[in-house]
């Protein structure tokens, strides 16, 4: 694994900003973590482009009056202005009918540095445990 400590910290900060936006249900802050041409693969379905990704997230979040989202950076490899990594999530979701669901999952991530800022270039989610 090769990386610069400042880049690793910046990518960790990106993950934290993503999680914070989920908790606050802030679509603008959440979508700002994505590159304009990013791809989000959710349950095997790719969604391309920041605008389409944001619209899909807003639609998905409509079914959850509360979403707690915690994440942990796993492996990370940085190569100049690009990086790949793995992150893990623990989600606590309240559905519209009041039921509580817990979802643990993993992301295979690609990051890109644009204008001095790290963004998600691609995220592919795999559920690992649901209760």
Protein backbone atom coordinates (compact mmCIF):
# COMPACT_ATOMS: atom_id res chain seq x y z
CA UNK A 1 0.00 0.00 0.00
CA UNK A 2 1.47 3.35 -0.99
CA UNK A 3 -0.09 6.65 -0.12
CA UNK A 4 0.51 10.04 1.33
CA UNK A 5 -0.87 10.62 4.83
CA UNK A 6 -2.58 13.86 3.76
CA UNK A 7 -4.36 12.09 0.89
CA UNK A 8 -5.46 9.27 3.19
CA UNK A 9 -6.86 11.82 5.63
CA UNK A 10 -8.62 13.68 2.80
CA UNK A 11 -10.29 10.45 1.61
CA UNK A 12 -11.31 9.63 5.18
CA UNK A 13 -12.80 13.14 5.40
CA UNK A 14 -14.71 12.46 2.15
CA UNK A 15 -16.25 9.33 3.69
CA UNK A 16 -17.16 11.26 6.83
CA UNK A 17 -18.80 14.05 4.80
CA UNK A 18 -20.85 11.42 2.94
CA UNK A 19 -21.99 9.86 6.23
CA UNK A 20 -22.77 13.24 7.78
CA UNK A 21 -24.92 14.19 4.80
CA UNK A 22 -26.89 10.93 5.13
CA UNK A 23 -27.62 11.64 8.79
CA UNK A 24 -28.73 15.19 7.95
CA UNK A 25 -30.60 14.08 4.82
CA UNK A 26 -28.75 16.79 2.93
CA UNK A 27 -28.95 15.88 -0.76
CA UNK A 28 -26.75 18.79 -1.86
CA UNK A 29 -23.94 17.92 0.57
CA UNK A 30 -24.26 14.22 -0.24
CA UNK A 31 -24.14 14.73 -4.02
CA UNK A 32 -21.15 17.08 -3.63
CA UNK A 33 -19.06 14.05 -2.61
CA UNK A 34 -19.39 12.60 -6.14
CA UNK A 35 -17.49 13.45 -9.32
CA UNK A 36 -19.70 14.74 -12.13
CA UNK A 37 -19.22 11.55 -14.19
CA UNK A 38 -19.29 9.11 -11.26
CA UNK A 39 -20.99 5.70 -11.25
CA UNK A 40 -22.86 4.32 -8.23
CA UNK A 41 -23.60 0.59 -8.45
CA UNK A 42 -26.30 -0.29 -5.98
CA UNK A 43 -27.50 -3.89 -5.71
CA UNK A 44 -26.01 -4.62 -9.15
CA UNK A 45 -27.60 -1.65 -10.89
CA UNK A 46 -25.22 1.07 -12.13
CA UNK A 47 -26.36 4.70 -11.96
CA UNK A 48 -24.23 7.11 -13.98
CA UNK A 49 -23.66 10.82 -13.43
CA UNK A 50 -23.89 12.97 -10.30
CA UNK A 51 -27.41 14.25 -11.10
CA UNK A 52 -28.84 10.74 -11.65
CA UNK A 53 -27.05 9.44 -8.55
CA UNK A 54 -28.48 12.27 -6.44
CA UNK A 55 -32.00 11.70 -7.79
CA UNK A 56 -31.78 7.97 -7.00
CA UNK A 57 -30.55 8.74 -3.46
CA UNK A 58 -33.37 11.23 -2.82
CA UNK A 59 -35.90 8.65 -4.03
CA UNK A 60 -34.38 5.90 -1.85
CA UNK A 61 -34.22 8.14 1.23
CA UNK A 62 -37.91 8.99 0.88
CA UNK A 63 -38.69 5.52 2.23
CA UNK A 64 -36.71 6.09 5.43
CA UNK A 65 -37.76 8.83 7.86
CA UNK A 66 -34.50 8.12 9.71
CA UNK A 67 -31.19 6.80 8.42
CA UNK A 68 -28.11 6.41 10.58
CA UNK A 69 -25.02 5.77 8.49
CA UNK A 70 -21.63 4.85 9.92
CA UNK A 71 -18.61 4.02 7.78
CA UNK A 72 -15.09 2.76 8.18
CA UNK A 73 -12.26 3.03 5.66
CA UNK A 74 -10.65 -0.33 4.95
CA UNK A 75 -7.92 -0.85 2.37
CA UNK A 76 -6.70 2.14 0.39
CA UNK A 77 -4.26 2.48 -2.51
CA UNK A 78 -3.40 5.91 -3.84
CA UNK A 79 -1.76 6.45 -7.22
CA UNK A 80 -1.38 10.15 -7.98
CA UNK A 81 -4.80 11.71 -8.50
CA UNK A 82 -6.60 8.36 -8.43
CA UNK A 83 -7.17 5.89 -5.65
CA UNK A 84 -9.01 2.66 -4.95
CA UNK A 85 -10.29 1.46 -1.64
CA UNK A 86 -12.74 -0.50 0.38
CA UNK A 87 -15.07 0.88 3.02
CA UNK A 88 -17.59 -0.75 5.32
CA UNK A 89 -20.96 0.56 6.45
CA UNK A 90 -23.34 0.02 9.30
CA UNK A 91 -26.79 1.47 8.62
CA UNK A 92 -29.74 1.78 10.97
CA UNK A 93 -32.92 2.57 9.05
CA UNK A 94 -36.44 3.37 10.20
CA UNK A 95 -38.99 2.58 7.52
CA UNK A 96 -42.15 4.57 6.84
CA UNK A 97 -44.19 2.01 8.83
CA UNK A 98 -41.91 2.40 11.87
CA UNK A 99 -39.92 -0.82 11.48
CA UNK A 100 -36.20 -0.69 12.16
CA UNK A 101 -33.73 -2.38 9.82
CA UNK A 102 -30.00 -2.81 10.20
CA UNK A 103 -27.76 -3.23 7.19
CA UNK A 104 -24.03 -3.91 7.19
CA UNK A 105 -22.34 -3.60 3.84
CA UNK A 106 -19.18 -2.97 1.93
CA UNK A 107 -18.21 -0.59 -0.84
CA UNK A 108 -15.54 -1.06 -3.46
CA UNK A 109 -14.57 2.54 -4.16
CA UNK A 110 -12.68 4.47 -6.79
CA UNK A 111 -11.66 8.02 -5.91
CA UNK A 112 -10.45 10.88 -8.05
CA UNK A 113 -8.78 14.15 -7.07
CA UNK A 114 -10.27 17.09 -8.96
CA UNK A 115 -9.36 20.70 -8.32
CA UNK A 116 -7.40 19.58 -5.26
CA UNK A 117 -10.36 17.73 -3.73
CA UNK A 118 -10.98 13.97 -3.47
CA UNK A 119 -14.36 12.75 -4.78
CA UNK A 120 -16.03 9.42 -5.43
CA UNK A 121 -15.49 8.33 -9.03
CA UNK A 122 -17.31 5.05 -8.46
CA UNK A 123 -18.89 3.15 -5.58
CA UNK A 124 -20.18 -0.41 -5.75
CA UNK A 125 -22.21 -1.58 -2.74
CA UNK A 126 -22.58 -5.16 -1.54
CA UNK A 127 -24.80 -6.00 1.43
CA UNK A 128 -23.02 -8.25 3.92
CA UNK A 129 -25.70 -8.67 6.61
CA UNK A 130 -29.24 -7.44 6.99
CA UNK A 131 -31.49 -7.67 10.01
